[in-house]
Amino acid sequence: MFFLETKNKEDCYGCGACGLICPCESMIMIEDEEGFAYPQKSEESCKECGCCKKVCPNISKSKITERVYPSKAYLAIHRDEEIVNKSSSGGVFSALTSAFFGGSYKVFGVEFDKDLNVKHSWASDREKMAGYRKSKYVFSDMGNSYEEAKAFLDAGEKVLFTGVPCQIAGLKLYLGKEVENLLCGDVICHGAPSQKVFDWYIKYLENKHKGRVSSFTFRHKTYSWFKGWNSRNVKYSIGEESFIYSSTVDPYLRGYHEGLFYRPSCYTCKYANPVRVSDITMADFWGVDELFPTIDVHKGCSVLLANTKKGQEWVNQLEAFMTIKEVGLRDVIIRNRQLREPAKKHQGREMFFSNLGKKDFKSMVKRCIPKEQITLRKTVVKLMPYKMKKMIKKLRNKSK
């Protein structure tokens, strides 16, 4: 269904393609009370041409998913350990930019600006591209990215465009045709919170530490001999001091992983399945140790899907930078829930947004997601050394 007809917020992904394609310029994106943007049109200037419907990812998905090339799945780890450490998982994005490097090209990705706003932008130099590494658990402001990508492509430049699936769908529908010089890479997305929610969280951190957050990182990797690798951490800096908190402690990560504050369309997303719209799909290879016991996903291991013939050609080029091994697509799908179904809406979502910005962020998350009762089994597992956990898991896998 089309949002401008239904006004149902689950029908809009917020990509903004409808406003960009409108020949009458009668469409603008307006932010609602939750911080998510939706199109609003002027009835006076609209000529009912239907262009907006043609580029809507919610109703036109079939236009960009009709293909015969089956997805192939790969385990992928960058050979440069430093790049792996600086990446959310195995460093696929960095390998892609290295393979893409040379000639006239542009790379579109997501970065934090100086005010910690999450936005799409483009780069043609490696220094700026480095800022596109790491997950940003916020729906990025697309700005003029679609128009800029089209202008570069029309000028004959190569473009690598990365984002969440609905953003890639919006780009492809906006372009209206397959373009040889365009390579699209999406990520397996859990859901997208708004900038307004993230700003509320940052305000909580700044009140807590009595200072301004100058830098922020999702998916910061840590290692300890006792617990092993952990990639579910946030790291932020205030003044000269840095702070690192895991997903069991940090309130934003807790809310994110529980589906507490995603965009409404995330809970009914048509792109949370194996039928991808990008040439290449990138993600963590969760459960990889069940197939390869010596590999730790938290240290850095990606799953890579080649969804088109073009995507497969680029995967072949990545072998110059990465260790790549083909794996069964089914093995990937069963270990990645968002390749099977959308995220589940948390029952506390309405309560959370009814108090958006009014109360302390952490206390609101705690109220919506009460801490689970600590059982003896969970306590034992938590205190168990990392190597012992790995040994038990290995024995369990052998017995299957």
Protein backbone atom coordinates (compact mmCIF):
# COMPACT_ATOMS: atom_id res chain seq x y z
CA MET A 1 0.00 0.00 0.00
CA PHE A 2 1.13 3.57 -0.71
CA PHE A 3 1.70 5.78 2.33
CA LEU A 4 0.31 8.96 0.75
CA GLU A 5 -2.99 7.12 0.33
CA THR A 6 -3.12 5.06 3.52
CA LYS A 7 -1.23 7.36 5.94
CA ASN A 8 -0.14 4.11 7.58
CA LYS A 9 3.42 4.66 8.80
CA GLU A 10 4.30 1.01 8.24
CA ASP A 11 3.92 1.72 4.50
CA CYS A 12 6.83 4.21 4.32
CA TYR A 13 10.55 3.39 4.53
CA GLY A 14 11.66 7.03 4.61
CA CYS A 15 14.05 6.85 1.64
CA GLY A 16 12.76 10.13 0.15
CA ALA A 17 12.82 8.90 -3.47
CA CYS A 18 9.21 10.04 -4.00
CA GLY A 19 10.06 13.65 -3.29
CA LEU A 20 13.16 13.62 -5.49
CA ILE A 21 11.37 12.13 -8.50
CA CYS A 22 8.37 14.49 -8.33
CA PRO A 23 8.41 16.72 -11.46
CA CYS A 24 6.09 19.21 -9.75
CA GLU A 25 8.30 19.52 -6.66
CA SER A 26 5.13 19.10 -4.62
CA MET A 27 6.61 16.68 -2.09
CA ILE A 28 8.63 17.32 1.07
CA MET A 29 9.75 15.03 3.91
CA ILE A 30 8.36 16.00 7.32
CA GLU A 31 9.68 14.59 10.60
CA ASP A 32 7.08 13.21 13.00
CA GLU A 33 7.10 13.20 16.81
CA GLU A 34 9.27 10.03 16.84
CA GLY A 35 11.91 11.61 14.62
CA PHE A 36 11.09 9.65 11.44
CA ALA A 37 10.51 11.49 8.15
CA TYR A 38 7.45 10.93 5.94
CA PRO A 39 6.41 12.50 2.62
CA GLN A 40 3.82 15.21 2.55
CA LYS A 41 2.52 16.60 -0.73
CA SER A 42 0.88 19.83 -1.76
CA GLU A 43 -2.52 19.06 -3.24
CA GLU A 44 -2.42 22.38 -5.12
CA SER A 45 0.76 21.69 -7.11
CA CYS A 46 0.42 17.88 -7.46
CA LYS A 47 -0.64 16.82 -10.97
CA GLU A 48 -1.31 13.18 -10.01
CA CYS A 49 1.34 11.92 -12.49
CA GLY A 50 2.06 8.82 -10.39
CA CYS A 51 5.86 9.18 -10.45
CA CYS A 52 6.01 8.93 -6.64
CA LYS A 53 4.28 5.54 -6.68
CA LYS A 54 6.71 4.16 -9.25
CA VAL A 55 9.72 4.75 -6.98
CA CYS A 56 8.17 3.65 -3.67
CA PRO A 57 10.11 0.67 -2.21
CA ASN A 58 6.98 -0.49 -0.41
CA ILE A 59 4.89 -1.05 -3.55
CA SER A 60 7.44 -1.42 -6.36
CA LYS A 61 9.87 -4.02 -5.00
CA SER A 62 9.09 -6.50 -7.78
CA LYS A 63 10.58 -4.10 -10.35
CA ILE A 64 14.06 -4.59 -8.89
CA THR A 65 14.02 -8.19 -7.67
CA GLU A 66 13.01 -10.03 -10.85
CA ARG A 67 16.17 -11.93 -11.73
CA VAL A 68 17.32 -15.50 -12.29
CA TYR A 69 20.77 -15.29 -10.68
CA PRO A 70 20.71 -17.16 -7.33
CA SER A 71 22.54 -15.74 -4.32
CA LYS A 72 25.80 -17.44 -3.41
CA ALA A 73 27.15 -17.21 0.13
CA TYR A 74 30.74 -16.81 1.28
CA LEU A 75 32.74 -16.55 4.46
CA ALA A 76 35.01 -13.52 4.12
CA ILE A 77 37.83 -12.18 6.31
CA HIS A 78 40.20 -9.38 5.31
CA ARG A 79 43.86 -10.41 5.28
CA ASP A 80 44.89 -7.15 6.99
CA GLU A 81 44.25 -7.73 10.69
CA GLU A 82 44.32 -4.00 11.42
CA ILE A 83 41.44 -3.44 8.99
CA VAL A 84 39.49 -6.31 10.60
CA ASN A 85 39.96 -4.69 14.02
CA LYS A 86 38.65 -1.37 12.69
CA SER A 87 35.62 -2.98 11.03
CA SER A 88 32.33 -4.20 12.48
CA SER A 89 32.98 -7.72 11.23
CA GLY A 90 35.41 -9.06 8.61
CA GLY A 91 36.24 -5.95 6.59
CA VAL A 92 34.20 -6.50 3.40
CA PHE A 93 33.51 -2.79 2.90
CA SER A 94 37.21 -1.93 3.06
CA ALA A 95 38.01 -4.69 0.57
CA LEU A 96 35.30 -3.40 -1.77
CA THR A 97 36.70 0.13 -1.72
CA SER A 98 40.20 -1.24 -2.41
CA ALA A 99 38.91 -3.25 -5.37
CA PHE A 100 36.95 -0.23 -6.60
CA PHE A 101 39.93 2.12 -6.25
CA GLY A 102 41.31 3.59 -9.48
CA GLY A 103 39.99 5.75 -12.28
CA SER A 104 37.01 8.02 -11.80
CA TYR A 105 34.83 6.65 -9.01
CA LYS A 106 32.73 7.64 -6.01
CA VAL A 107 31.82 5.67 -2.88
CA PHE A 108 28.62 6.42 -0.96
CA GLY A 109 28.42 5.39 2.67
CA VAL A 110 27.21 6.43 6.12
CA GLU A 111 29.18 8.59 8.54
CA PHE A 112 28.90 10.65 11.70
CA ASP A 113 29.33 14.38 11.10
CA LYS A 114 31.00 16.64 13.67
CA ASP A 115 27.69 16.95 15.57
CA LEU A 116 27.13 13.15 15.57
CA ASN A 117 24.38 13.34 12.99
CA VAL A 118 24.24 10.15 10.93
CA LYS A 119 24.18 10.91 7.22
CA HIS A 120 24.85 9.51 3.78
CA SER A 121 27.68 11.15 1.86
CA TRP A 122 30.18 10.34 -0.87
CA ALA A 123 33.94 10.13 -0.99
CA SER A 124 36.70 9.53 -3.49
CA ASP A 125 39.59 9.45 -1.02
CA ARG A 126 40.47 6.67 1.40
CA GLU A 127 40.62 8.90 4.49
CA LYS A 128 36.96 9.87 4.27
CA MET A 129 35.95 6.33 3.27
CA ALA A 130 37.42 5.06 6.55
CA GLY A 131 34.60 6.94 8.31
CA TYR A 132 32.08 4.72 6.53
CA ARG A 133 33.37 1.64 8.36
CA LYS A 134 31.47 0.31 11.38
CA SER A 135 27.73 -0.01 11.83
CA LYS A 136 25.68 3.09 12.60
CA TYR A 137 22.49 1.99 14.34
CA VAL A 138 20.58 5.07 13.22
CA PHE A 139 18.60 5.67 10.01
CA SER A 140 20.87 7.93 7.97
CA ASP A 141 19.81 11.22 6.45
CA MET A 142 19.93 10.53 2.69
CA GLY A 143 20.29 14.21 1.81
CA ASN A 144 20.90 14.55 -1.95
CA SER A 145 22.69 11.20 -2.27
CA TYR A 146 20.37 9.78 -4.93
CA GLU A 147 20.67 12.90 -7.11
CA GLU A 148 24.45 13.01 -6.64
CA ALA A 149 24.85 9.32 -7.50
CA LYS A 150 22.77 9.81 -10.66
CA ALA A 151 24.87 12.80 -11.72
CA PHE A 152 28.10 10.84 -11.28
CA LEU A 153 26.72 7.86 -13.20
CA ASP A 154 25.46 10.10 -16.02
CA ALA A 155 28.98 11.53 -16.24
CA GLY A 156 30.39 8.03 -16.73
CA GLU A 157 31.90 7.61 -13.28
CA LYS A 158 31.85 4.35 -11.29
CA VAL A 159 29.70 4.43 -8.16
CA LEU A 160 29.69 2.10 -5.15
CA PHE A 161 26.52 2.80 -3.15
CA THR A 162 26.06 1.18 0.26
CA GLY A 163 23.19 1.32 2.72
CA VAL A 164 20.31 -0.65 4.20
CA PRO A 165 18.11 -2.57 1.71
CA CYS A 166 15.23 -0.06 1.54
CA GLN A 167 17.70 2.74 0.77
CA ILE A 168 19.22 0.70 -2.06
CA ALA A 169 15.73 -0.05 -3.35
CA GLY A 170 14.91 3.67 -3.33
CA LEU A 171 18.05 4.43 -5.35
CA LYS A 172 17.37 1.75 -7.96
CA LEU A 173 13.75 2.80 -8.39
CA TYR A 174 14.80 6.45 -8.60
CA LEU A 175 17.30 5.63 -11.37
CA GLY A 176 14.63 3.58 -13.16
CA LYS A 177 17.08 1.28 -14.95
CA GLU A 178 20.10 -0.93 -14.45
CA VAL A 179 23.35 1.02 -14.74
CA GLU A 180 26.56 -0.82 -15.61
CA ASN A 181 28.83 1.50 -13.61
CA LEU A 182 26.77 1.13 -10.41
CA LEU A 183 27.60 -1.45 -7.75
CA CYS A 184 25.17 -1.66 -4.82
CA GLY A 185 26.00 -3.19 -1.45
CA ASP A 186 23.46 -3.60 1.34
CA VAL A 187 23.73 -4.85 4.91
CA ILE A 188 21.45 -7.31 6.68
CA CYS A 189 19.48 -4.82 8.74
CA HIS A 190 17.80 -5.43 12.12
CA GLY A 191 15.98 -2.10 12.11
CA ALA A 192 16.58 1.65 12.04
CA PRO A 193 16.13 4.05 14.99
CA SER A 194 15.71 7.78 14.36
CA GLN A 195 18.31 10.49 14.86
CA LYS A 196 15.98 11.98 17.48
CA VAL A 197 16.25 8.81 19.61
CA PHE A 198 20.04 8.77 19.23
CA ASP A 199 20.24 12.47 20.21
CA TRP A 200 18.24 11.72 23.38
CA TYR A 201 20.74 8.98 24.21
CA ILE A 202 23.73 11.28 23.59
CA LYS A 203 22.16 13.89 25.86
CA TYR A 204 21.91 11.21 28.57
CA LEU A 205 25.63 10.41 28.18
CA GLU A 206 26.60 14.07 28.32
CA ASN A 207 24.52 14.67 31.46
CA LYS A 208 26.03 11.57 33.03
CA HIS A 209 29.64 12.58 32.37
CA LYS A 210 29.21 16.37 32.50
CA GLY A 211 30.82 16.93 29.11
CA ARG A 212 30.34 16.84 25.35
CA VAL A 213 30.59 13.55 23.43
CA SER A 214 33.19 14.28 20.74
CA SER A 215 33.32 10.87 19.05
CA PHE A 216 31.20 7.75 19.04
CA THR A 217 31.61 4.20 17.73
CA PHE A 218 29.17 1.32 17.51
CA ARG A 219 30.59 -2.22 17.41
CA HIS A 220 33.91 -1.44 19.11
CA LYS A 221 35.89 -4.67 19.52
CA THR A 222 37.46 -5.69 22.81
CA TYR A 223 39.38 -8.75 23.97
CA SER A 224 40.12 -10.27 27.35
CA TRP A 225 41.74 -13.61 28.20
CA PHE A 226 38.74 -14.45 30.38
CA LYS A 227 35.83 -13.54 28.07
CA GLY A 228 37.50 -13.62 24.65
CA TRP A 229 36.40 -11.27 21.85
CA ASN A 230 33.32 -9.06 22.10
CA SER A 231 32.15 -6.84 19.24
CA ARG A 232 28.89 -5.66 20.81
CA ASN A 233 30.23 -2.56 22.49
CA VAL A 234 29.91 1.19 22.18
CA LYS A 235 32.92 3.45 22.61
CA TYR A 236 32.70 7.21 23.04
CA SER A 237 35.00 10.03 24.07
CA ILE A 238 34.38 12.99 26.34
CA GLY A 239 37.34 15.31 26.70
CA GLU A 240 40.49 13.21 27.04
CA GLU A 241 38.64 10.19 28.44
CA SER A 242 37.11 7.26 26.55
CA PHE A 243 34.37 4.92 27.75
CA ILE A 244 33.48 1.41 26.56
CA TYR A 245 30.24 -0.38 27.46
CA SER A 246 28.86 -3.71 26.29
CA SER A 247 25.36 -4.41 25.00
CA THR A 248 24.34 -5.85 28.38
CA VAL A 249 25.08 -2.50 30.05
CA ASP A 250 24.61 0.25 27.46
CA PRO A 251 20.94 1.32 27.30
CA TYR A 252 20.95 2.21 23.59
CA LEU A 253 22.30 -1.20 22.57
CA ARG A 254 19.82 -2.91 24.88
CA GLY A 255 16.93 -1.04 23.30
CA TYR A 256 18.27 -1.59 19.78
CA HIS A 257 18.71 -5.34 20.10
CA GLU A 258 15.25 -5.70 21.66
CA GLY A 259 13.55 -3.81 18.81
CA LEU A 260 12.35 -1.07 21.14
CA PHE A 261 12.67 2.02 18.93
CA TYR A 262 12.83 1.13 15.23
CA ARG A 263 10.96 2.87 12.41
CA PRO A 264 7.41 1.41 12.13
CA SER A 265 8.11 -0.06 8.68
CA CYS A 266 11.03 -2.10 10.09
CA TYR A 267 8.56 -4.42 11.84
CA THR A 268 6.84 -5.29 8.55
CA CYS A 269 9.87 -4.89 6.26
CA LYS A 270 9.54 -6.53 2.83
CA TYR A 271 13.34 -6.67 2.47
CA ALA A 272 14.04 -8.90 5.49
CA ASN A 273 14.41 -12.06 3.40
CA PRO A 274 16.90 -13.78 1.05
CA VAL A 275 15.60 -11.99 -2.07
CA ARG A 276 18.07 -9.11 -2.02
CA VAL A 277 17.99 -5.91 -4.08
CA SER A 278 21.74 -5.28 -4.05
CA ASP A 279 24.56 -6.84 -6.04
CA ILE A 280 26.33 -7.71 -2.79
CA THR A 281 25.07 -8.18 0.77
CA MET A 282 27.39 -7.79 3.78
CA ALA A 283 26.84 -8.93 7.37
CA ASP A 284 28.33 -10.62 10.42
CA PHE A 285 28.59 -14.38 10.05
CA TRP A 286 26.70 -15.25 13.23
CA GLY A 287 27.10 -18.89 14.21
CA VAL A 288 30.19 -19.32 12.05
CA ASP A 289 31.90 -21.31 14.80
CA GLU A 290 29.28 -24.05 14.36
CA LEU A 291 30.66 -24.57 10.85
CA PHE A 292 34.27 -23.54 11.47
CA PRO A 293 35.10 -23.94 15.19
CA THR A 294 38.38 -21.97 15.03
CA ILE A 295 36.73 -18.78 13.70
CA ASP A 296 35.25 -16.19 16.07
CA VAL A 297 32.62 -13.84 14.60
CA HIS A 298 33.33 -11.26 17.31
CA LYS A 299 37.00 -11.06 16.28
CA GLY A 300 35.87 -10.40 12.74
CA CYS A 301 34.19 -12.64 10.20
CA SER A 302 31.76 -11.53 7.50
CA VAL A 303 29.19 -13.34 5.46
CA LEU A 304 29.07 -12.13 1.89
CA LEU A 305 26.21 -12.76 -0.53
CA ALA A 306 26.67 -12.39 -4.28
CA ASN A 307 23.15 -11.67 -5.52
CA THR A 308 23.76 -10.77 -9.18
CA LYS A 309 26.21 -11.65 -11.91
CA LYS A 310 27.85 -8.26 -11.36
CA GLY A 311 28.07 -8.96 -7.64
CA GLN A 312 29.73 -12.32 -8.29
CA GLU A 313 32.33 -10.67 -10.53
CA TRP A 314 33.24 -8.26 -7.73
CA VAL A 315 33.37 -11.05 -5.14
CA ASN A 316 35.96 -12.73 -7.34
CA GLN A 317 38.01 -9.52 -7.25
CA LEU A 318 37.83 -9.39 -3.45
CA GLU A 319 39.95 -12.53 -3.22
CA ALA A 320 42.98 -10.29 -3.75
CA PHE A 321 42.28 -8.74 -0.33
CA MET A 322 40.32 -11.34 1.63
CA THR A 323 40.23 -14.98 2.58
CA ILE A 324 36.99 -16.14 0.93
CA LYS A 325 35.32 -19.53 1.20
CA GLU A 326 31.97 -20.51 -0.32
CA VAL A 327 29.40 -21.81 2.17
CA GLY A 328 25.83 -23.02 1.91
CA LEU A 329 23.24 -20.26 1.56
CA ARG A 330 20.88 -22.21 3.81
CA ASP A 331 23.56 -22.29 6.55
CA VAL A 332 23.64 -18.48 6.43
CA ILE A 333 19.87 -18.02 6.35
CA ILE A 334 19.18 -20.20 9.39
CA ARG A 335 21.81 -18.27 11.39
CA ASN A 336 20.55 -14.82 10.42
CA ARG A 337 17.00 -14.10 11.52
CA GLN A 338 16.68 -10.93 9.40
CA LEU A 339 17.19 -13.07 6.29
CA ARG A 340 13.96 -14.85 7.24
CA GLU A 341 11.66 -12.29 8.83
CA PRO A 342 11.43 -8.67 10.05
CA ALA A 343 12.24 -7.62 13.58
CA LYS A 344 9.61 -8.09 16.28
CA LYS A 345 8.10 -4.95 17.72
CA HIS A 346 8.81 -4.66 21.44
CA GLN A 347 5.72 -4.34 23.61
CA GLY A 348 7.22 -1.29 25.33
CA ARG A 349 7.65 0.73 22.12
CA GLU A 350 4.55 2.92 22.59
CA MET A 351 5.55 3.71 26.17
CA PHE A 352 9.09 4.57 25.07
CA PHE A 353 8.03 7.04 22.37
CA SER A 354 5.34 8.63 24.53
CA ASN A 355 8.18 9.75 26.80
CA LEU A 356 10.69 10.63 24.05
CA GLY A 357 13.01 13.36 25.33
CA LYS A 358 10.96 13.93 28.49
CA LYS A 359 12.72 11.57 30.89
CA ASP A 360 16.16 10.10 31.43
CA PHE A 361 17.01 7.82 28.48
CA LYS A 362 18.47 4.99 30.55
CA SER A 363 15.62 4.90 33.08
CA MET A 364 13.10 4.83 30.22
CA VAL A 365 14.83 1.85 28.58
CA LYS A 366 14.96 0.05 31.93
CA ARG A 367 11.28 0.71 32.47
CA CYS A 368 10.38 -0.64 29.02
CA ILE A 369 12.78 -3.60 29.20
CA PRO A 370 12.95 -4.89 32.79
CA LYS A 371 16.19 -6.70 33.48
CA GLU A 372 15.67 -10.43 33.19
CA GLN A 373 15.87 -12.52 36.32
CA ILE A 374 19.38 -13.81 36.86
CA THR A 375 19.38 -17.59 37.08
CA LEU A 376 22.10 -19.82 38.50
CA ARG A 377 22.81 -21.21 35.01
CA LYS A 378 23.30 -17.73 33.52
CA THR A 379 25.60 -16.77 36.38
CA VAL A 380 27.75 -19.87 35.84
CA VAL A 381 27.95 -19.27 32.09
CA LYS A 382 28.89 -15.62 32.66
CA LEU A 383 31.72 -16.56 35.02
CA MET A 384 32.99 -19.41 32.84
CA PRO A 385 36.33 -18.71 31.09
CA TYR A 386 36.15 -18.12 27.34
CA LYS A 387 38.25 -21.19 26.40
CA MET A 388 36.01 -23.47 28.45
CA LYS A 389 32.90 -22.08 26.69
CA LYS A 390 34.52 -22.75 23.30
CA MET A 391 35.42 -26.31 24.31
CA ILE A 392 31.88 -27.06 25.50
CA LYS A 393 30.41 -25.60 22.30
CA LYS A 394 32.79 -27.70 20.18
CA LEU A 395 31.81 -30.91 22.02
CA ARG A 396 28.12 -30.01 21.63
CA ASN A 397 28.52 -29.51 17.88
CA LYS A 398 30.29 -32.87 17.51
CA SER A 399 27.44 -34.65 19.25
CA LYS A 400 24.82 -33.28 16.81
